[in-house]
Amino acid sequence: MTAPSAERNQRPILDALLPRLPQSGHVLEIASGTGQHVAAMATHRPDLIFHPSEPDAARRASIDARCRGLSNVLEAVELDACRTGWATPGAVDAVVIVNLLHLISDGEMSVLLDEAHRALSPGGMLAIYGPFLRDGRAISAADRAFDAHLRAQDEAVGLKDVAVLETVLRVLGLDVEVVEMPAGNLMIFGRAAAVPGL
């Protein structure tokens, strides 16, 4: 499987993400989709071990096929990250989420972020990429149309406001950095506190 949008945004995502990933350890990608992003990250960062996840079986097969030969990518696991209880505390050093938040409800987002935070090791990083509202408004006609299209299919989903996301991440105790990306998208980083003295 190949997603044209993943091809388009892959380079900007790598440019923002690669310098901020940990120097070693484990990276969990949530909703890995076609596997394009995890394969690219793993190719550029052979020093890290990547854990792709995806609830859809056909997409997990695509991920595994795309990552075959990359020794630092584990087999894709089935994971619905919007359900409580999946996180093993401190198990990974980074969690990456690309183009997911606008496809889930506010309640599901709260569960996802809480679980992702629990999964982070001390000093670990959460990275979230996608389109967002600013002050409750879409910043382009394309984003406005996309948001309306999503809400017409399911009124519980749609673009999230970046200010809301920043607030949630800070409540979880993460230091937040927002990076402007092409096409009006954002990359939002949340870094967990390190253990004092380390």
N, C-alpha and C. Protein backbone atom coordinates (compact mmCIF):
# COMPACT_ATOMS: atom_id res chain seq x y z
N MET A 1 0.83 -1.20 0.00
CA MET A 1 0.00 0.00 0.00
C MET A 1 0.87 1.25 0.00
N THR A 2 0.40 2.26 -0.74
CA THR A 2 1.11 3.54 -0.78
C THR A 2 0.10 4.67 -0.67
N ALA A 3 0.38 5.63 0.19
CA ALA A 3 -0.47 6.81 0.35
C ALA A 3 0.23 8.02 -0.26
N PRO A 4 -0.36 8.66 -1.27
CA PRO A 4 0.29 9.84 -1.88
C PRO A 4 0.60 10.94 -0.87
N SER A 5 -0.28 11.13 0.11
CA SER A 5 -0.03 12.19 1.11
C SER A 5 1.22 11.89 1.92
N ALA A 6 1.45 10.61 2.20
CA ALA A 6 2.66 10.24 2.95
C ALA A 6 3.91 10.52 2.14
N GLU A 7 3.83 10.31 0.83
CA GLU A 7 4.96 10.62 -0.03
C GLU A 7 5.25 12.12 0.00
N ARG A 8 4.18 12.93 -0.05
CA ARG A 8 4.36 14.38 -0.10
C ARG A 8 4.94 14.94 1.19
N ASN A 9 4.48 14.44 2.33
CA ASN A 9 4.90 15.08 3.59
C ASN A 9 6.07 14.36 4.28
N GLN A 10 6.58 13.31 3.65
CA GLN A 10 7.62 12.53 4.30
C GLN A 10 8.89 13.32 4.57
N ARG A 11 9.38 14.06 3.58
CA ARG A 11 10.64 14.81 3.76
C ARG A 11 10.52 15.88 4.84
N PRO A 12 9.47 16.72 4.83
CA PRO A 12 9.34 17.71 5.91
C PRO A 12 9.23 17.07 7.29
N ILE A 13 8.52 15.95 7.39
CA ILE A 13 8.40 15.27 8.67
C ILE A 13 9.76 14.78 9.15
N LEU A 14 10.52 14.17 8.25
CA LEU A 14 11.85 13.69 8.62
C LEU A 14 12.75 14.84 9.04
N ASP A 15 12.68 15.96 8.31
CA ASP A 15 13.53 17.11 8.64
C ASP A 15 13.26 17.62 10.05
N ALA A 16 11.98 17.61 10.46
CA ALA A 16 11.64 18.09 11.80
C ALA A 16 11.90 17.03 12.86
N LEU A 17 11.65 15.78 12.52
CA LEU A 17 11.65 14.71 13.51
C LEU A 17 13.03 14.14 13.80
N LEU A 18 13.82 13.88 12.76
CA LEU A 18 15.07 13.15 12.96
C LEU A 18 16.01 13.81 13.97
N PRO A 19 16.20 15.13 13.92
CA PRO A 19 17.12 15.74 14.90
C PRO A 19 16.61 15.68 16.34
N ARG A 20 15.30 15.46 16.52
CA ARG A 20 14.71 15.49 17.85
C ARG A 20 14.51 14.10 18.44
N LEU A 21 14.67 13.07 17.64
CA LEU A 21 14.54 11.71 18.17
C LEU A 21 15.67 11.41 19.14
N PRO A 22 15.46 10.50 20.08
CA PRO A 22 16.51 10.17 21.05
C PRO A 22 17.73 9.56 20.36
N GLN A 23 18.85 9.59 21.05
CA GLN A 23 20.09 9.06 20.51
C GLN A 23 20.10 7.54 20.45
N SER A 24 19.27 6.93 21.25
CA SER A 24 19.17 5.47 21.25
C SER A 24 17.82 5.10 21.86
N GLY A 25 17.44 3.83 21.70
CA GLY A 25 16.23 3.36 22.35
C GLY A 25 15.16 2.92 21.38
N HIS A 26 13.91 2.99 21.86
CA HIS A 26 12.76 2.42 21.15
C HIS A 26 11.76 3.51 20.78
N VAL A 27 11.24 3.42 19.55
CA VAL A 27 10.27 4.39 19.04
C VAL A 27 9.00 3.64 18.63
N LEU A 28 7.87 4.03 19.22
CA LEU A 28 6.58 3.47 18.86
C LEU A 28 5.87 4.42 17.91
N GLU A 29 5.46 3.89 16.75
CA GLU A 29 4.60 4.68 15.87
C GLU A 29 3.18 4.16 16.01
N ILE A 30 2.26 5.07 16.26
CA ILE A 30 0.84 4.72 16.41
C ILE A 30 0.14 4.94 15.08
N ALA A 31 -0.69 3.97 14.68
CA ALA A 31 -1.42 4.04 13.41
C ALA A 31 -0.46 4.22 12.24
N SER A 32 0.40 3.23 12.05
CA SER A 32 1.47 3.32 11.04
C SER A 32 0.97 3.26 9.60
N GLY A 33 -0.29 2.89 9.40
CA GLY A 33 -0.87 2.95 8.06
C GLY A 33 -0.18 2.05 7.05
N THR A 34 0.36 2.67 6.00
CA THR A 34 1.04 1.92 4.94
C THR A 34 2.47 1.54 5.31
N GLY A 35 3.01 2.14 6.37
CA GLY A 35 4.38 1.86 6.76
C GLY A 35 5.41 2.77 6.13
N GLN A 36 4.96 3.74 5.34
CA GLN A 36 5.91 4.62 4.65
C GLN A 36 6.76 5.44 5.62
N HIS A 37 6.11 5.97 6.66
CA HIS A 37 6.85 6.83 7.58
C HIS A 37 7.82 6.03 8.45
N VAL A 38 7.37 4.90 8.99
CA VAL A 38 8.26 4.13 9.85
C VAL A 38 9.43 3.58 9.06
N ALA A 39 9.22 3.20 7.80
CA ALA A 39 10.32 2.71 6.98
C ALA A 39 11.35 3.82 6.73
N ALA A 40 10.86 5.03 6.48
CA ALA A 40 11.77 6.15 6.24
C ALA A 40 12.55 6.51 7.50
N MET A 41 11.86 6.55 8.64
CA MET A 41 12.54 6.85 9.90
C MET A 41 13.61 5.81 10.21
N ALA A 42 13.26 4.55 10.03
CA ALA A 42 14.20 3.47 10.35
C ALA A 42 15.40 3.47 9.43
N THR A 43 15.19 3.84 8.18
CA THR A 43 16.30 3.90 7.22
C THR A 43 17.31 4.98 7.62
N HIS A 44 16.79 6.10 8.09
CA HIS A 44 17.67 7.23 8.46
C HIS A 44 18.25 7.09 9.87
N ARG A 45 17.59 6.30 10.72
CA ARG A 45 18.06 6.17 12.10
C ARG A 45 18.23 4.68 12.46
N PRO A 46 19.29 4.05 11.93
CA PRO A 46 19.53 2.64 12.24
C PRO A 46 19.91 2.39 13.70
N ASP A 47 20.19 3.49 14.44
CA ASP A 47 20.55 3.37 15.85
C ASP A 47 19.34 3.20 16.76
N LEU A 48 18.13 3.33 16.20
CA LEU A 48 16.91 3.21 16.98
C LEU A 48 16.14 1.96 16.58
N ILE A 49 15.33 1.44 17.50
CA ILE A 49 14.47 0.29 17.22
C ILE A 49 13.04 0.80 17.10
N PHE A 50 12.39 0.50 15.98
CA PHE A 50 11.07 1.03 15.69
C PHE A 50 10.00 -0.04 15.85
N HIS A 51 8.89 0.37 16.47
CA HIS A 51 7.76 -0.51 16.74
C HIS A 51 6.53 0.05 16.02
N PRO A 52 6.24 -0.39 14.79
CA PRO A 52 5.02 0.06 14.14
C PRO A 52 3.80 -0.61 14.74
N SER A 53 2.67 0.10 14.70
CA SER A 53 1.41 -0.47 15.20
C SER A 53 0.28 -0.01 14.29
N GLU A 54 -0.76 -0.84 14.21
CA GLU A 54 -1.87 -0.53 13.30
C GLU A 54 -3.02 -1.49 13.61
N PRO A 55 -4.24 -0.97 13.79
CA PRO A 55 -5.36 -1.87 14.08
C PRO A 55 -5.83 -2.70 12.89
N ASP A 56 -5.56 -2.24 11.66
CA ASP A 56 -6.05 -2.92 10.46
C ASP A 56 -5.07 -3.99 9.97
N ALA A 57 -5.55 -5.22 9.80
CA ALA A 57 -4.68 -6.34 9.44
C ALA A 57 -4.03 -6.17 8.08
N ALA A 58 -4.78 -5.68 7.09
CA ALA A 58 -4.22 -5.50 5.75
C ALA A 58 -3.09 -4.47 5.77
N ARG A 59 -3.27 -3.44 6.55
CA ARG A 59 -2.21 -2.43 6.65
C ARG A 59 -1.00 -2.96 7.41
N ARG A 60 -1.23 -3.79 8.41
CA ARG A 60 -0.08 -4.40 9.11
C ARG A 60 0.73 -5.24 8.14
N ALA A 61 0.07 -5.96 7.25
CA ALA A 61 0.78 -6.75 6.24
C ALA A 61 1.59 -5.84 5.32
N SER A 62 1.02 -4.69 4.96
CA SER A 62 1.73 -3.71 4.13
C SER A 62 2.96 -3.17 4.84
N ILE A 63 2.80 -2.86 6.11
CA ILE A 63 3.92 -2.35 6.90
C ILE A 63 5.06 -3.37 6.93
N ASP A 64 4.72 -4.61 7.23
CA ASP A 64 5.75 -5.65 7.33
C ASP A 64 6.45 -5.87 5.98
N ALA A 65 5.68 -5.83 4.90
CA ALA A 65 6.28 -6.01 3.58
C ALA A 65 7.20 -4.85 3.24
N ARG A 66 6.78 -3.64 3.54
CA ARG A 66 7.59 -2.47 3.22
C ARG A 66 8.88 -2.42 4.05
N CYS A 67 8.80 -2.91 5.28
CA CYS A 67 9.96 -2.83 6.19
C CYS A 67 10.83 -4.08 6.16
N ARG A 68 10.50 -5.03 5.30
CA ARG A 68 11.31 -6.25 5.22
C ARG A 68 12.75 -5.87 4.85
N GLY A 69 13.69 -6.40 5.58
CA GLY A 69 15.10 -6.06 5.35
C GLY A 69 15.62 -4.97 6.26
N LEU A 70 14.73 -4.28 6.96
CA LEU A 70 15.15 -3.26 7.93
C LEU A 70 15.21 -3.95 9.29
N SER A 71 16.42 -4.24 9.73
CA SER A 71 16.58 -5.05 10.95
C SER A 71 16.16 -4.31 12.22
N ASN A 72 16.01 -2.98 12.13
CA ASN A 72 15.65 -2.20 13.31
C ASN A 72 14.15 -1.89 13.36
N VAL A 73 13.35 -2.58 12.53
CA VAL A 73 11.89 -2.44 12.57
C VAL A 73 11.29 -3.78 12.98
N LEU A 74 10.56 -3.79 14.08
CA LEU A 74 9.90 -5.01 14.53
C LEU A 74 8.61 -5.24 13.76
N GLU A 75 8.06 -6.42 13.86
CA GLU A 75 6.81 -6.74 13.20
C GLU A 75 5.70 -5.83 13.72
N ALA A 76 4.86 -5.35 12.80
CA ALA A 76 3.75 -4.48 13.19
C ALA A 76 2.79 -5.21 14.11
N VAL A 77 2.37 -4.52 15.17
CA VAL A 77 1.46 -5.13 16.14
C VAL A 77 0.07 -4.51 16.01
N GLU A 78 -0.93 -5.28 16.39
CA GLU A 78 -2.30 -4.78 16.41
C GLU A 78 -2.48 -3.91 17.64
N LEU A 79 -2.90 -2.67 17.43
CA LEU A 79 -3.07 -1.76 18.56
C LEU A 79 -4.15 -0.74 18.24
N ASP A 80 -5.18 -0.69 19.06
CA ASP A 80 -6.15 0.40 19.04
C ASP A 80 -5.74 1.34 20.16
N ALA A 81 -5.00 2.37 19.81
CA ALA A 81 -4.40 3.25 20.81
C ALA A 81 -5.40 4.18 21.47
N CYS A 82 -6.65 4.16 21.03
CA CYS A 82 -7.68 5.01 21.64
C CYS A 82 -8.42 4.30 22.76
N ARG A 83 -7.97 3.10 23.11
CA ARG A 83 -8.54 2.37 24.24
C ARG A 83 -7.56 2.42 25.41
N THR A 84 -8.10 2.44 26.60
CA THR A 84 -7.24 2.53 27.78
C THR A 84 -6.54 1.20 28.05
N GLY A 85 -5.38 1.32 28.71
CA GLY A 85 -4.71 0.14 29.24
C GLY A 85 -3.64 -0.48 28.38
N TRP A 86 -3.33 0.10 27.20
CA TRP A 86 -2.33 -0.55 26.35
C TRP A 86 -0.90 -0.17 26.71
N ALA A 87 -0.71 0.96 27.34
CA ALA A 87 0.65 1.46 27.56
C ALA A 87 1.35 0.71 28.68
N THR A 88 2.60 0.32 28.41
CA THR A 88 3.50 -0.18 29.44
C THR A 88 4.33 1.01 29.92
N PRO A 89 4.19 1.42 31.17
CA PRO A 89 4.88 2.64 31.61
C PRO A 89 6.38 2.61 31.35
N GLY A 90 6.86 3.69 30.71
CA GLY A 90 8.29 3.85 30.47
C GLY A 90 8.89 2.91 29.44
N ALA A 91 8.04 2.30 28.59
CA ALA A 91 8.53 1.26 27.69
C ALA A 91 9.26 1.78 26.47
N VAL A 92 8.94 3.03 26.03
CA VAL A 92 9.55 3.54 24.80
C VAL A 92 10.12 4.93 25.04
N ASP A 93 11.03 5.31 24.16
CA ASP A 93 11.71 6.59 24.30
C ASP A 93 11.10 7.68 23.42
N ALA A 94 10.25 7.28 22.49
CA ALA A 94 9.51 8.25 21.66
C ALA A 94 8.25 7.58 21.14
N VAL A 95 7.21 8.40 20.98
CA VAL A 95 5.96 7.98 20.35
C VAL A 95 5.69 8.95 19.21
N VAL A 96 5.42 8.41 18.01
CA VAL A 96 5.18 9.22 16.83
C VAL A 96 3.75 8.96 16.33
N ILE A 97 3.02 10.05 16.07
CA ILE A 97 1.64 9.97 15.60
C ILE A 97 1.50 10.91 14.40
N VAL A 98 1.21 10.35 13.23
CA VAL A 98 1.10 11.14 12.00
C VAL A 98 -0.32 11.07 11.46
N ASN A 99 -0.94 12.23 11.28
CA ASN A 99 -2.25 12.35 10.62
C ASN A 99 -3.31 11.42 11.20
N LEU A 100 -3.45 11.47 12.53
CA LEU A 100 -4.45 10.64 13.19
C LEU A 100 -5.48 11.45 13.97
N LEU A 101 -5.06 12.52 14.63
CA LEU A 101 -5.94 13.18 15.60
C LEU A 101 -7.23 13.68 14.99
N HIS A 102 -7.21 14.12 13.73
CA HIS A 102 -8.43 14.63 13.11
C HIS A 102 -9.41 13.51 12.75
N LEU A 103 -8.98 12.27 12.87
CA LEU A 103 -9.84 11.12 12.54
C LEU A 103 -10.49 10.49 13.76
N ILE A 104 -10.23 11.05 14.94
CA ILE A 104 -10.77 10.49 16.18
C ILE A 104 -11.49 11.59 16.96
N SER A 105 -12.29 11.17 17.93
CA SER A 105 -13.06 12.13 18.74
C SER A 105 -12.18 12.76 19.81
N ASP A 106 -12.70 13.80 20.44
CA ASP A 106 -11.96 14.46 21.54
C ASP A 106 -11.69 13.47 22.68
N GLY A 107 -12.70 12.65 23.01
CA GLY A 107 -12.52 11.68 24.07
C GLY A 107 -11.45 10.65 23.73
N GLU A 108 -11.47 10.18 22.49
CA GLU A 108 -10.44 9.23 22.05
C GLU A 108 -9.06 9.87 22.07
N MET A 109 -8.99 11.14 21.69
CA MET A 109 -7.70 11.84 21.72
C MET A 109 -7.17 11.92 23.15
N SER A 110 -8.04 12.20 24.10
CA SER A 110 -7.60 12.29 25.50
C SER A 110 -7.02 10.97 25.98
N VAL A 111 -7.70 9.86 25.64
CA VAL A 111 -7.19 8.54 26.02
C VAL A 111 -5.85 8.27 25.34
N LEU A 112 -5.79 8.54 24.05
CA LEU A 112 -4.56 8.31 23.28
C LEU A 112 -3.38 9.06 23.88
N LEU A 113 -3.57 10.33 24.16
CA LEU A 113 -2.45 11.14 24.68
C LEU A 113 -2.05 10.70 26.07
N ASP A 114 -3.03 10.35 26.90
CA ASP A 114 -2.71 9.88 28.25
C ASP A 114 -1.91 8.58 28.20
N GLU A 115 -2.35 7.65 27.35
CA GLU A 115 -1.64 6.38 27.23
C GLU A 115 -0.25 6.57 26.64
N ALA A 116 -0.15 7.42 25.61
CA ALA A 116 1.16 7.68 24.98
C ALA A 116 2.13 8.28 25.99
N HIS A 117 1.62 9.20 26.81
CA HIS A 117 2.45 9.80 27.85
C HIS A 117 2.94 8.75 28.84
N ARG A 118 2.04 7.84 29.24
CA ARG A 118 2.42 6.78 30.18
C ARG A 118 3.49 5.86 29.58
N ALA A 119 3.46 5.69 28.27
CA ALA A 119 4.41 4.79 27.62
C ALA A 119 5.82 5.37 27.55
N LEU A 120 5.95 6.69 27.73
CA LEU A 120 7.26 7.34 27.56
C LEU A 120 8.18 7.09 28.74
N SER A 121 9.44 6.86 28.43
CA SER A 121 10.47 6.81 29.46
C SER A 121 10.77 8.23 29.93
N PRO A 122 11.44 8.41 31.07
CA PRO A 122 11.83 9.76 31.50
C PRO A 122 12.65 10.45 30.41
N GLY A 123 12.28 11.68 30.09
CA GLY A 123 12.95 12.41 29.02
C GLY A 123 12.48 12.03 27.63
N GLY A 124 11.50 11.12 27.54
CA GLY A 124 11.00 10.66 26.25
C GLY A 124 10.19 11.73 25.53
N MET A 125 9.94 11.49 24.24
CA MET A 125 9.33 12.51 23.39
C MET A 125 8.11 11.97 22.67
N LEU A 126 7.06 12.80 22.65
CA LEU A 126 5.86 12.54 21.86
C LEU A 126 5.87 13.50 20.68
N ALA A 127 5.71 12.97 19.46
CA ALA A 127 5.69 13.80 18.25
C ALA A 127 4.38 13.58 17.52
N ILE A 128 3.67 14.67 17.22
CA ILE A 128 2.36 14.60 16.58
C ILE A 128 2.36 15.52 15.36
N TYR A 129 1.99 14.95 14.20
CA TYR A 129 1.95 15.72 12.96
C TYR A 129 0.54 15.72 12.39
N GLY A 130 0.14 16.86 11.81
CA GLY A 130 -1.13 16.90 11.11
C GLY A 130 -1.66 18.31 10.94
N PRO A 131 -2.87 18.42 10.39
CA PRO A 131 -3.53 19.72 10.26
C PRO A 131 -4.26 20.07 11.56
N PHE A 132 -4.26 21.35 11.90
CA PHE A 132 -4.90 21.79 13.14
C PHE A 132 -5.61 23.11 12.92
N LEU A 133 -6.64 23.35 13.74
CA LEU A 133 -7.28 24.65 13.80
C LEU A 133 -6.41 25.60 14.64
N ARG A 134 -6.54 26.90 14.36
CA ARG A 134 -5.93 27.93 15.20
C ARG A 134 -7.05 28.82 15.70
N ASP A 135 -7.17 28.93 17.00
CA ASP A 135 -8.24 29.72 17.62
C ASP A 135 -9.61 29.30 17.08
N GLY A 136 -9.77 28.00 16.89
CA GLY A 136 -11.05 27.46 16.45
C GLY A 136 -11.33 27.57 14.97
N ARG A 137 -10.37 28.07 14.21
CA ARG A 137 -10.60 28.29 12.78
C ARG A 137 -9.56 27.57 11.92
N ALA A 138 -10.02 27.10 10.77
CA ALA A 138 -9.10 26.55 9.77
C ALA A 138 -8.33 27.70 9.13
N ILE A 139 -7.07 27.47 8.80
CA ILE A 139 -6.25 28.56 8.27
C ILE A 139 -6.26 28.63 6.75
N SER A 140 -6.94 27.70 6.09
CA SER A 140 -7.01 27.72 4.62
C SER A 140 -8.35 27.17 4.17
N ALA A 141 -8.72 27.47 2.94
CA ALA A 141 -9.96 26.93 2.38
C ALA A 141 -9.90 25.41 2.30
N ALA A 142 -8.73 24.88 1.98
CA ALA A 142 -8.58 23.43 1.88
C ALA A 142 -8.80 22.76 3.24
N ASP A 143 -8.22 23.34 4.30
CA ASP A 143 -8.43 22.78 5.65
C ASP A 143 -9.88 22.91 6.08
N ARG A 144 -10.52 24.04 5.72
CA ARG A 144 -11.92 24.24 6.09
C ARG A 144 -12.81 23.19 5.40
N ALA A 145 -12.54 22.93 4.13
CA ALA A 145 -13.31 21.94 3.39
C ALA A 145 -13.05 20.53 3.94
N PHE A 146 -11.80 20.25 4.28
CA PHE A 146 -11.43 18.94 4.82
C PHE A 146 -12.13 18.71 6.16
N ASP A 147 -12.12 19.72 7.00
CA ASP A 147 -12.77 19.61 8.31
C ASP A 147 -14.27 19.39 8.15
N ALA A 148 -14.89 20.13 7.25
CA ALA A 148 -16.33 19.98 7.02
C ALA A 148 -16.65 18.59 6.48
N HIS A 149 -15.79 18.08 5.62
CA HIS A 149 -15.98 16.73 5.06
C HIS A 149 -15.92 15.68 6.16
N LEU A 150 -14.95 15.80 7.05
CA LEU A 150 -14.82 14.84 8.14
C LEU A 150 -16.04 14.89 9.06
N ARG A 151 -16.47 16.10 9.43
CA ARG A 151 -17.58 16.25 10.37
C ARG A 151 -18.91 15.82 9.74
N ALA A 152 -19.02 15.92 8.40
CA ALA A 152 -20.23 15.46 7.73
C ALA A 152 -20.37 13.94 7.83
N GLN A 153 -19.23 13.25 7.87
CA GLN A 153 -19.25 11.80 7.99
C GLN A 153 -19.44 11.34 9.44
N ASP A 154 -18.85 12.12 10.37
CA ASP A 154 -18.94 11.79 11.80
C ASP A 154 -18.74 13.08 12.57
N GLU A 155 -19.80 13.57 13.20
CA GLU A 155 -19.72 14.87 13.87
C GLU A 155 -18.77 14.86 15.06
N ALA A 156 -18.34 13.68 15.50
CA ALA A 156 -17.43 13.60 16.66
C ALA A 156 -15.97 13.81 16.27
N VAL A 157 -15.66 13.77 14.97
CA VAL A 157 -14.26 13.91 14.55
C VAL A 157 -14.06 15.26 13.87
N GLY A 158 -12.84 15.50 13.38
CA GLY A 158 -12.51 16.75 12.72
C GLY A 158 -11.22 17.34 13.26
N LEU A 159 -10.77 18.42 12.62
CA LEU A 159 -9.52 19.04 13.03
C LEU A 159 -9.59 19.51 14.47
N LYS A 160 -8.52 19.24 15.22
CA LYS A 160 -8.42 19.68 16.61
C LYS A 160 -7.74 21.05 16.66
N ASP A 161 -8.05 21.81 17.70
CA ASP A 161 -7.41 23.11 17.88
C ASP A 161 -6.05 22.93 18.54
N VAL A 162 -5.05 23.56 17.98
CA VAL A 162 -3.69 23.38 18.50
C VAL A 162 -3.59 23.85 19.95
N ALA A 163 -4.34 24.88 20.32
CA ALA A 163 -4.27 25.38 21.69
C ALA A 163 -4.79 24.34 22.68
N VAL A 164 -5.84 23.61 22.28
CA VAL A 164 -6.37 22.56 23.14
C VAL A 164 -5.34 21.46 23.31
N LEU A 165 -4.71 21.06 22.20
CA LEU A 165 -3.69 20.02 22.28
C LEU A 165 -2.53 20.45 23.16
N GLU A 166 -2.07 21.68 22.99
CA GLU A 166 -0.97 22.17 23.83
C GLU A 166 -1.35 22.12 25.31
N THR A 167 -2.58 22.52 25.62
CA THR A 167 -3.04 22.51 27.02
C THR A 167 -3.03 21.09 27.58
N VAL A 168 -3.55 20.13 26.82
CA VAL A 168 -3.58 18.75 27.28
C VAL A 168 -2.17 18.24 27.53
N LEU A 169 -1.26 18.52 26.62
CA LEU A 169 0.12 18.04 26.77
C LEU A 169 0.79 18.65 27.99
N ARG A 170 0.52 19.92 28.25
CA ARG A 170 1.12 20.57 29.43
C ARG A 170 0.52 20.03 30.72
N VAL A 171 -0.78 19.75 30.70
CA VAL A 171 -1.41 19.14 31.88
C VAL A 171 -0.77 17.78 32.17
N LEU A 172 -0.38 17.07 31.12
CA LEU A 172 0.30 15.78 31.30
C LEU A 172 1.75 15.94 31.78
N GLY A 173 2.22 17.19 31.84
CA GLY A 173 3.56 17.44 32.34
C GLY A 173 4.63 17.47 31.26
N LEU A 174 4.22 17.61 29.99
CA LEU A 174 5.18 17.62 28.89
C LEU A 174 5.57 19.05 28.52
N ASP A 175 6.84 19.25 28.19
CA ASP A 175 7.28 20.52 27.61
C ASP A 175 6.91 20.51 26.13
N VAL A 176 6.28 21.57 25.65
CA VAL A 176 5.70 21.59 24.31
C VAL A 176 6.49 22.49 23.37
N GLU A 177 6.70 22.00 22.15
CA GLU A 177 7.30 22.77 21.07
C GLU A 177 6.42 22.59 19.83
N VAL A 178 6.05 23.70 19.19
CA VAL A 178 5.22 23.64 17.98
C VAL A 178 6.04 24.12 16.80
N VAL A 179 6.10 23.31 15.75
CA VAL A 179 6.89 23.62 14.56
C VAL A 179 5.95 23.76 13.37
N GLU A 180 6.02 24.91 12.68
CA GLU A 180 5.22 25.11 11.47
C GLU A 180 5.76 24.23 10.35
N MET A 181 4.86 23.60 9.62
CA MET A 181 5.21 22.69 8.53
C MET A 181 4.57 23.16 7.23
N PRO A 182 4.97 22.60 6.09
CA PRO A 182 4.35 23.00 4.82
C PRO A 182 2.85 22.73 4.80
N ALA A 183 2.14 23.46 3.93
CA ALA A 183 0.70 23.32 3.71
C ALA A 183 -0.11 23.63 4.97
N GLY A 184 0.48 24.43 5.87
CA GLY A 184 -0.24 24.84 7.06
C GLY A 184 -0.34 23.79 8.15
N ASN A 185 0.34 22.66 7.98
CA ASN A 185 0.33 21.62 9.01
C ASN A 185 1.28 21.99 10.14
N LEU A 186 1.21 21.22 11.23
CA LEU A 186 2.08 21.45 12.38
C LEU A 186 2.71 20.14 12.82
N MET A 187 3.90 20.24 13.40
CA MET A 187 4.51 19.15 14.13
C MET A 187 4.60 19.62 15.58
N ILE A 188 3.98 18.88 16.45
CA ILE A 188 3.92 19.26 17.86
C ILE A 188 4.69 18.24 18.68
N PHE A 189 5.67 18.72 19.42
CA PHE A 189 6.51 17.85 20.24
C PHE A 189 6.18 18.07 21.71
N GLY A 190 6.08 16.99 22.46
CA GLY A 190 5.93 17.04 23.90
C GLY A 190 7.01 16.19 24.54
N ARG A 191 7.82 16.80 25.38
CA ARG A 191 8.93 16.05 25.98
C ARG A 191 8.68 15.85 27.47
N ALA A 192 8.81 14.59 27.89
CA ALA A 192 8.62 14.26 29.30
C ALA A 192 9.81 14.73 30.13
N ALA A 193 9.57 14.98 31.39
CA ALA A 193 10.66 15.39 32.29
C ALA A 193 11.66 14.25 32.45
N ALA A 194 12.93 14.62 32.49
CA ALA A 194 13.97 13.62 32.73
C ALA A 194 14.08 13.35 34.23
N VAL A 195 14.69 12.23 34.55
CA VAL A 195 14.92 11.91 35.95
C VAL A 195 15.98 12.86 36.50
N PRO A 196 15.72 13.56 37.60
CA PRO A 196 16.73 14.49 38.15
C PRO A 196 18.06 13.80 38.39
N GLY A 197 19.11 14.50 37.96
CA GLY A 197 20.45 14.00 38.18
C GLY A 197 20.98 13.13 37.06
N LEU A 198 20.13 12.85 36.06
CA LEU A 198 20.58 12.03 34.92
C LEU A 198 20.74 12.88 33.69
